[in-house]
Amino acid sequence: MMAKRKQTAGASRYEAAGKVVVCSHCNNNTFVWQEAMLNRRGSTLLDLDWVDRTGVALVCAKCGLIQWFLEEPQAVA
């Protein structure tokens, strides 16, 4: 049995493509922002990871579901 996830400090609300981001699992609307490299095997093999794009992962502050975005979501008040 997994431990219950606590509300994460520093969580914010975000908007992407004109819509408020909501967790599809628990309907929470606060997320922790994480930037991540979108590595490809060929780039990693040739030690060229720096040419790969980055993406944004919004991690639900309530349940931990991760939602990925290529375009940066905007923080909303």
N, C-alpha and C. Protein backbone atom coordinates (compact mmCIF):
# COMPACT_ATOMS: atom_id res chain seq x y z
N MET A 1 0.84 -1.18 0.00
CA MET A 1 0.00 0.00 0.00
C MET A 1 0.89 1.24 0.00
N MET A 2 0.60 2.18 -0.88
CA MET A 2 1.41 3.39 -0.98
C MET A 2 0.97 4.41 0.06
N ALA A 3 1.94 5.20 0.52
CA ALA A 3 1.63 6.26 1.49
C ALA A 3 0.86 7.37 0.80
N LYS A 4 -0.01 8.04 1.54
CA LYS A 4 -0.77 9.16 1.00
C LYS A 4 0.16 10.33 0.73
N ARG A 5 0.04 10.94 -0.43
CA ARG A 5 0.89 12.05 -0.84
C ARG A 5 0.43 13.34 -0.17
N LYS A 6 1.36 14.10 0.37
CA LYS A 6 1.05 15.37 1.01
C LYS A 6 1.01 16.49 -0.03
N GLN A 7 0.25 17.55 0.26
CA GLN A 7 0.23 18.73 -0.59
C GLN A 7 1.64 19.30 -0.65
N THR A 8 2.14 19.54 -1.84
CA THR A 8 3.52 19.98 -2.02
C THR A 8 3.63 21.49 -1.92
N ALA A 9 4.57 21.98 -1.12
CA ALA A 9 4.82 23.42 -1.01
C ALA A 9 5.31 23.95 -2.35
N GLY A 10 4.96 25.17 -2.67
CA GLY A 10 5.40 25.77 -3.91
C GLY A 10 4.52 25.43 -5.10
N ALA A 11 3.40 24.79 -4.87
CA ALA A 11 2.50 24.44 -5.96
C ALA A 11 1.73 25.68 -6.42
N SER A 12 1.46 25.74 -7.72
CA SER A 12 0.74 26.86 -8.31
C SER A 12 -0.30 26.35 -9.29
N ARG A 13 -1.15 27.27 -9.74
CA ARG A 13 -2.12 26.94 -10.78
C ARG A 13 -1.56 27.41 -12.12
N TYR A 14 -1.90 26.69 -13.20
CA TYR A 14 -1.37 27.00 -14.52
C TYR A 14 -2.46 26.96 -15.58
N GLU A 15 -2.17 27.64 -16.68
CA GLU A 15 -3.05 27.67 -17.84
C GLU A 15 -2.23 27.29 -19.06
N ALA A 16 -2.79 26.47 -19.93
CA ALA A 16 -2.12 26.06 -21.17
C ALA A 16 -3.15 26.12 -22.30
N ALA A 17 -2.76 26.70 -23.42
CA ALA A 17 -3.64 26.82 -24.59
C ALA A 17 -4.98 27.45 -24.22
N GLY A 18 -4.96 28.42 -23.31
CA GLY A 18 -6.17 29.14 -22.94
C GLY A 18 -7.09 28.43 -21.97
N LYS A 19 -6.65 27.28 -21.44
CA LYS A 19 -7.48 26.54 -20.48
C LYS A 19 -6.71 26.31 -19.19
N VAL A 20 -7.41 26.35 -18.06
CA VAL A 20 -6.80 26.06 -16.77
C VAL A 20 -6.44 24.58 -16.73
N VAL A 21 -5.23 24.27 -16.29
CA VAL A 21 -4.79 22.88 -16.19
C VAL A 21 -5.40 22.25 -14.94
N VAL A 22 -6.06 21.10 -15.14
CA VAL A 22 -6.70 20.37 -14.05
C VAL A 22 -6.23 18.92 -14.15
N CYS A 23 -5.94 18.32 -13.02
CA CYS A 23 -5.51 16.93 -13.00
C CYS A 23 -6.66 16.03 -13.46
N SER A 24 -6.38 15.17 -14.44
CA SER A 24 -7.41 14.29 -14.97
C SER A 24 -7.73 13.13 -14.02
N HIS A 25 -6.89 12.94 -13.01
CA HIS A 25 -7.11 11.84 -12.08
C HIS A 25 -7.91 12.27 -10.85
N CYS A 26 -7.51 13.40 -10.23
CA CYS A 26 -8.15 13.81 -8.97
C CYS A 26 -8.84 15.17 -9.02
N ASN A 27 -8.82 15.83 -10.18
CA ASN A 27 -9.44 17.14 -10.39
C ASN A 27 -8.78 18.27 -9.60
N ASN A 28 -7.59 18.05 -9.09
CA ASN A 28 -6.85 19.11 -8.40
C ASN A 28 -6.39 20.14 -9.44
N ASN A 29 -6.17 21.38 -9.00
CA ASN A 29 -5.73 22.40 -9.94
C ASN A 29 -4.42 23.08 -9.52
N THR A 30 -3.65 22.45 -8.65
CA THR A 30 -2.34 22.99 -8.27
C THR A 30 -1.26 21.98 -8.63
N PHE A 31 -0.17 22.51 -9.18
CA PHE A 31 0.90 21.67 -9.72
C PHE A 31 2.26 22.23 -9.35
N VAL A 32 3.24 21.35 -9.33
CA VAL A 32 4.63 21.73 -9.15
C VAL A 32 5.29 21.65 -10.53
N TRP A 33 5.98 22.71 -10.93
CA TRP A 33 6.62 22.86 -12.23
C TRP A 33 7.95 22.11 -12.25
N GLN A 34 8.18 21.30 -13.27
CA GLN A 34 9.46 20.61 -13.47
C GLN A 34 9.84 20.76 -14.94
N GLU A 35 11.06 21.20 -15.22
CA GLU A 35 11.54 21.24 -16.59
C GLU A 35 12.37 20.00 -16.83
N ALA A 36 12.23 19.40 -18.02
CA ALA A 36 12.92 18.14 -18.29
C ALA A 36 13.41 18.11 -19.73
N MET A 37 14.53 17.45 -19.93
CA MET A 37 15.07 17.24 -21.27
C MET A 37 14.26 16.13 -21.94
N LEU A 38 13.99 16.31 -23.22
CA LEU A 38 13.30 15.29 -24.00
C LEU A 38 14.34 14.62 -24.89
N ASN A 39 15.13 13.75 -24.27
CA ASN A 39 16.27 13.13 -24.95
C ASN A 39 15.83 12.10 -25.97
N ARG A 40 16.63 12.02 -27.04
CA ARG A 40 16.46 10.98 -28.04
C ARG A 40 17.66 10.05 -27.96
N ARG A 41 17.46 8.78 -28.29
CA ARG A 41 18.54 7.80 -28.18
C ARG A 41 19.77 8.21 -28.98
N GLY A 42 19.59 8.68 -30.19
CA GLY A 42 20.73 9.04 -31.04
C GLY A 42 21.53 10.18 -30.45
N SER A 43 20.86 11.17 -29.89
CA SER A 43 21.55 12.30 -29.27
C SER A 43 22.35 11.85 -28.06
N THR A 44 21.76 10.99 -27.26
CA THR A 44 22.45 10.49 -26.07
C THR A 44 23.65 9.65 -26.46
N LEU A 45 23.49 8.80 -27.46
CA LEU A 45 24.58 7.95 -27.92
C LEU A 45 25.77 8.78 -28.39
N LEU A 46 25.49 9.89 -29.07
CA LEU A 46 26.55 10.75 -29.60
C LEU A 46 26.95 11.88 -28.65
N ASP A 47 26.44 11.83 -27.42
CA ASP A 47 26.72 12.86 -26.41
C ASP A 47 26.28 14.25 -26.87
N LEU A 48 25.13 14.29 -27.54
CA LEU A 48 24.57 15.55 -28.03
C LEU A 48 23.24 15.88 -27.38
N ASP A 49 23.07 15.51 -26.11
CA ASP A 49 21.81 15.74 -25.41
C ASP A 49 21.43 17.22 -25.40
N TRP A 50 22.41 18.10 -25.45
CA TRP A 50 22.15 19.53 -25.36
C TRP A 50 21.35 20.05 -26.56
N VAL A 51 21.30 19.33 -27.67
CA VAL A 51 20.53 19.79 -28.83
C VAL A 51 19.06 19.40 -28.75
N ASP A 52 18.70 18.50 -27.84
CA ASP A 52 17.31 18.06 -27.71
C ASP A 52 16.46 19.14 -27.05
N ARG A 53 15.18 19.09 -27.35
CA ARG A 53 14.23 20.05 -26.77
C ARG A 53 14.02 19.78 -25.29
N THR A 54 13.50 20.79 -24.62
CA THR A 54 13.06 20.61 -23.24
C THR A 54 11.54 20.69 -23.22
N GLY A 55 10.98 20.10 -22.22
CA GLY A 55 9.53 20.15 -22.02
C GLY A 55 9.25 20.51 -20.58
N VAL A 56 8.01 20.76 -20.30
CA VAL A 56 7.59 21.09 -18.94
C VAL A 56 6.69 19.97 -18.44
N ALA A 57 6.98 19.50 -17.25
CA ALA A 57 6.13 18.51 -16.60
C ALA A 57 5.47 19.21 -15.41
N LEU A 58 4.16 19.20 -15.39
CA LEU A 58 3.43 19.70 -14.23
C LEU A 58 3.02 18.49 -13.41
N VAL A 59 3.48 18.45 -12.17
CA VAL A 59 3.21 17.32 -11.27
C VAL A 59 2.09 17.73 -10.33
N CYS A 60 1.01 16.98 -10.34
CA CYS A 60 -0.13 17.29 -9.47
C CYS A 60 0.32 17.29 -8.01
N ALA A 61 0.00 18.37 -7.31
CA ALA A 61 0.41 18.50 -5.91
C ALA A 61 -0.39 17.59 -4.99
N LYS A 62 -1.48 17.02 -5.47
CA LYS A 62 -2.31 16.16 -4.62
C LYS A 62 -2.02 14.68 -4.84
N CYS A 63 -2.02 14.23 -6.12
CA CYS A 63 -1.89 12.79 -6.37
C CYS A 63 -0.58 12.41 -7.08
N GLY A 64 0.13 13.39 -7.64
CA GLY A 64 1.41 13.10 -8.27
C GLY A 64 1.36 12.77 -9.75
N LEU A 65 0.17 12.81 -10.36
CA LEU A 65 0.07 12.56 -11.79
C LEU A 65 0.89 13.61 -12.54
N ILE A 66 1.62 13.18 -13.57
CA ILE A 66 2.46 14.08 -14.34
C ILE A 66 1.80 14.38 -15.68
N GLN A 67 1.72 15.67 -16.02
CA GLN A 67 1.22 16.09 -17.32
C GLN A 67 2.35 16.81 -18.04
N TRP A 68 2.61 16.43 -19.31
CA TRP A 68 3.71 16.98 -20.09
C TRP A 68 3.22 18.04 -21.07
N PHE A 69 4.05 19.09 -21.25
CA PHE A 69 3.73 20.17 -22.17
C PHE A 69 4.99 20.55 -22.93
N LEU A 70 4.89 20.72 -24.26
CA LEU A 70 6.01 21.23 -25.05
C LEU A 70 6.05 22.75 -24.98
N GLU A 71 4.89 23.38 -24.96
CA GLU A 71 4.81 24.84 -24.81
C GLU A 71 4.62 25.14 -23.32
N GLU A 72 5.31 26.16 -22.83
CA GLU A 72 5.27 26.46 -21.40
C GLU A 72 3.90 26.91 -20.95
N PRO A 73 3.32 26.25 -19.95
CA PRO A 73 2.08 26.73 -19.35
C PRO A 73 2.36 28.03 -18.60
N GLN A 74 1.36 28.87 -18.49
CA GLN A 74 1.49 30.15 -17.78
C GLN A 74 0.87 30.04 -16.39
N ALA A 75 1.57 30.57 -15.39
CA ALA A 75 1.04 30.58 -14.03
C ALA A 75 -0.13 31.55 -13.97
N VAL A 76 -1.17 31.17 -13.23
CA VAL A 76 -2.34 32.02 -13.03
C VAL A 76 -2.53 32.26 -11.56
N ALA A 77 -3.14 33.39 -11.25
CA ALA A 77 -3.37 33.76 -9.84
C ALA A 77 -4.53 33.02 -9.25
